N, C-alpha and C. Protein backbone atom coordinates (compact mmCIF):
# COMPACT_ATOMS: atom_id res chain seq x y z
N UNK A 1 0.84 -1.17 0.00
CA UNK A 1 0.00 0.00 0.00
C UNK A 1 0.89 1.24 0.00
N UNK A 2 0.58 2.19 -0.88
CA UNK A 2 1.35 3.43 -0.97
C UNK A 2 1.07 4.31 0.25
N UNK A 3 2.10 5.01 0.72
CA UNK A 3 1.88 5.90 1.87
C UNK A 3 0.98 7.07 1.49
N UNK A 4 0.21 7.54 2.45
CA UNK A 4 -0.64 8.71 2.24
C UNK A 4 0.21 9.95 2.49
N UNK A 5 0.23 10.83 1.51
CA UNK A 5 1.04 12.04 1.60
C UNK A 5 0.12 13.22 1.88
N UNK A 6 0.36 13.95 2.98
CA UNK A 6 -0.44 15.16 3.21
C UNK A 6 0.07 16.29 2.31
N UNK A 7 -0.72 16.70 1.36
CA UNK A 7 -0.35 17.75 0.41
C UNK A 7 -0.76 19.10 0.97
N UNK A 8 0.09 20.11 0.76
CA UNK A 8 -0.20 21.46 1.25
C UNK A 8 -0.22 22.42 0.06
N UNK A 9 -1.27 23.24 0.01
CA UNK A 9 -1.38 24.26 -1.03
C UNK A 9 -0.81 25.57 -0.51
N UNK A 10 -0.39 26.40 -1.42
CA UNK A 10 0.10 27.72 -1.08
C UNK A 10 -1.01 28.56 -0.48
N UNK A 11 -0.65 29.44 0.44
CA UNK A 11 -1.64 30.35 1.01
C UNK A 11 -2.12 31.36 -0.02
N UNK A 12 -1.42 31.48 -1.16
CA UNK A 12 -1.83 32.37 -2.24
C UNK A 12 -2.89 31.72 -3.12
N UNK A 13 -3.22 30.45 -2.90
CA UNK A 13 -4.17 29.72 -3.75
C UNK A 13 -5.58 29.87 -3.22
N UNK A 14 -6.10 31.06 -3.32
CA UNK A 14 -7.47 31.35 -2.90
C UNK A 14 -8.22 31.98 -4.06
N UNK A 15 -9.50 32.07 -3.94
CA UNK A 15 -10.32 32.74 -4.95
C UNK A 15 -10.27 32.06 -6.29
N UNK A 16 -10.12 32.86 -7.34
CA UNK A 16 -10.18 32.31 -8.70
C UNK A 16 -8.98 31.42 -9.04
N UNK A 17 -7.87 31.54 -8.31
CA UNK A 17 -6.70 30.71 -8.57
C UNK A 17 -6.73 29.39 -7.80
N UNK A 18 -7.71 29.16 -6.98
CA UNK A 18 -7.74 28.00 -6.09
C UNK A 18 -7.56 26.65 -6.80
N UNK A 19 -8.21 26.39 -7.93
CA UNK A 19 -8.03 25.07 -8.53
C UNK A 19 -6.73 24.93 -9.31
N UNK A 20 -6.00 26.01 -9.53
CA UNK A 20 -4.77 25.99 -10.32
C UNK A 20 -3.58 26.34 -9.46
N UNK A 21 -3.11 25.39 -8.69
CA UNK A 21 -2.01 25.74 -7.81
C UNK A 21 -1.03 24.59 -7.66
N UNK A 22 0.12 24.94 -7.16
CA UNK A 22 1.16 23.97 -6.87
C UNK A 22 0.95 23.46 -5.45
N UNK A 23 1.08 22.15 -5.28
CA UNK A 23 0.98 21.54 -3.96
C UNK A 23 2.32 20.91 -3.63
N UNK A 24 2.68 20.90 -2.35
CA UNK A 24 3.95 20.32 -1.92
C UNK A 24 3.69 19.29 -0.83
N UNK A 25 4.46 18.23 -0.86
CA UNK A 25 4.38 17.18 0.14
C UNK A 25 5.78 16.71 0.48
N UNK A 26 5.92 15.94 1.53
CA UNK A 26 7.23 15.45 1.96
C UNK A 26 7.37 13.97 1.64
N UNK A 27 8.45 13.62 0.95
CA UNK A 27 8.79 12.23 0.71
C UNK A 27 9.79 11.78 1.77
N UNK A 28 10.40 10.62 1.57
CA UNK A 28 11.36 10.12 2.56
C UNK A 28 12.55 11.04 2.69
N UNK A 29 13.14 11.44 1.58
CA UNK A 29 14.30 12.33 1.63
C UNK A 29 14.21 13.45 0.60
N UNK A 30 13.03 13.64 0.05
CA UNK A 30 12.83 14.66 -0.98
C UNK A 30 11.53 15.40 -0.73
N UNK A 31 11.37 16.48 -1.44
CA UNK A 31 10.09 17.19 -1.46
C UNK A 31 9.36 16.77 -2.72
N UNK A 32 8.06 16.68 -2.64
CA UNK A 32 7.23 16.25 -3.76
C UNK A 32 6.38 17.43 -4.21
N UNK A 33 6.30 17.64 -5.51
CA UNK A 33 5.54 18.74 -6.08
C UNK A 33 4.54 18.21 -7.08
N UNK A 34 3.34 18.78 -7.09
CA UNK A 34 2.34 18.41 -8.09
C UNK A 34 1.43 19.61 -8.33
N UNK A 35 0.78 19.59 -9.48
CA UNK A 35 -0.22 20.61 -9.80
C UNK A 35 -1.58 20.05 -9.40
N UNK A 36 -2.42 20.88 -8.82
CA UNK A 36 -3.70 20.39 -8.33
C UNK A 36 -4.60 19.86 -9.44
N UNK A 37 -4.43 20.37 -10.68
CA UNK A 37 -5.24 19.88 -11.79
C UNK A 37 -4.78 18.52 -12.30
N UNK A 38 -3.55 18.11 -11.99
CA UNK A 38 -3.01 16.83 -12.45
C UNK A 38 -2.30 16.14 -11.28
N UNK A 39 -3.04 15.70 -10.26
CA UNK A 39 -2.41 15.16 -9.06
C UNK A 39 -1.66 13.84 -9.26
N UNK A 40 -1.85 13.19 -10.40
CA UNK A 40 -1.15 11.94 -10.66
C UNK A 40 0.29 12.12 -11.10
N UNK A 41 0.64 13.33 -11.53
CA UNK A 41 2.01 13.62 -11.95
C UNK A 41 2.73 14.31 -10.79
N UNK A 42 3.73 13.63 -10.25
CA UNK A 42 4.45 14.13 -9.08
C UNK A 42 5.93 14.25 -9.43
N UNK A 43 6.52 15.38 -9.10
CA UNK A 43 7.94 15.61 -9.29
C UNK A 43 8.64 15.54 -7.95
N UNK A 44 9.83 14.95 -7.91
CA UNK A 44 10.64 14.92 -6.70
C UNK A 44 11.74 15.95 -6.82
N UNK A 45 12.04 16.64 -5.75
CA UNK A 45 13.11 17.64 -5.75
C UNK A 45 13.75 17.69 -4.36
N UNK A 46 14.99 18.14 -4.34
CA UNK A 46 15.66 18.35 -3.06
C UNK A 46 15.17 19.66 -2.45
N UNK A 47 15.38 19.82 -1.16
CA UNK A 47 15.03 21.08 -0.51
C UNK A 47 15.79 22.24 -1.12
N UNK A 48 17.07 22.03 -1.44
CA UNK A 48 17.87 23.08 -2.06
C UNK A 48 17.34 23.41 -3.46
N UNK A 49 16.88 22.40 -4.19
CA UNK A 49 16.32 22.64 -5.52
C UNK A 49 15.05 23.46 -5.47
N UNK A 50 14.17 23.17 -4.53
CA UNK A 50 12.92 23.94 -4.38
C UNK A 50 13.23 25.36 -3.94
N UNK A 51 14.18 25.52 -3.02
CA UNK A 51 14.57 26.86 -2.57
C UNK A 51 15.13 27.67 -3.74
N UNK A 52 15.95 27.03 -4.59
CA UNK A 52 16.48 27.71 -5.77
C UNK A 52 15.39 28.11 -6.74
N UNK A 53 14.40 27.24 -6.94
CA UNK A 53 13.27 27.55 -7.80
C UNK A 53 12.49 28.75 -7.28
N UNK A 54 12.24 28.78 -5.99
CA UNK A 54 11.49 29.90 -5.38
C UNK A 54 12.28 31.19 -5.53
N UNK A 55 13.59 31.16 -5.29
CA UNK A 55 14.41 32.38 -5.46
C UNK A 55 14.35 32.87 -6.90
N UNK A 56 14.45 31.95 -7.85
CA UNK A 56 14.39 32.32 -9.26
C UNK A 56 13.03 32.93 -9.61
N UNK A 57 11.95 32.30 -9.17
CA UNK A 57 10.62 32.81 -9.48
C UNK A 57 10.38 34.18 -8.88
N UNK A 58 10.93 34.41 -7.72
CA UNK A 58 10.76 35.74 -7.10
C UNK A 58 11.46 36.82 -7.93
N UNK A 59 12.56 36.46 -8.56
CA UNK A 59 13.30 37.43 -9.38
C UNK A 59 12.60 37.71 -10.70
N UNK A 60 11.98 36.71 -11.31
CA UNK A 60 11.44 36.88 -12.66
C UNK A 60 9.94 37.09 -12.72
N UNK A 61 9.20 36.72 -11.69
CA UNK A 61 7.74 36.82 -11.72
C UNK A 61 7.29 38.24 -11.43
N UNK A 62 6.26 38.71 -12.13
CA UNK A 62 5.72 40.04 -11.82
C UNK A 62 5.06 40.02 -10.45
N UNK A 63 5.15 41.12 -9.77
CA UNK A 63 4.52 41.27 -8.44
C UNK A 63 3.03 41.49 -8.62
N UNK A 64 2.24 40.95 -7.70
CA UNK A 64 0.79 41.15 -7.73
C UNK A 64 0.44 42.39 -6.98
C-alpha cells in the first residue's frame, strides 16, 4: 500500500486561482511537487532545488 502524503497548497491559492495551484508534500528524503489539476504527476526535488526555484521565481515573476 502506498503511503498517504499530506499535500499542502500555497496560502496564495485562494479565490479564482484555487483550482490551479502547486501543492507540496514530503517524501522520505525529498520534497514532492504536483499541480492540483493533475495530481497523478508528481515531481521529486531536493530542498535546495525547491529553494532555488522559489528564489528564481521571485526574481522573474511580476509582483501582484
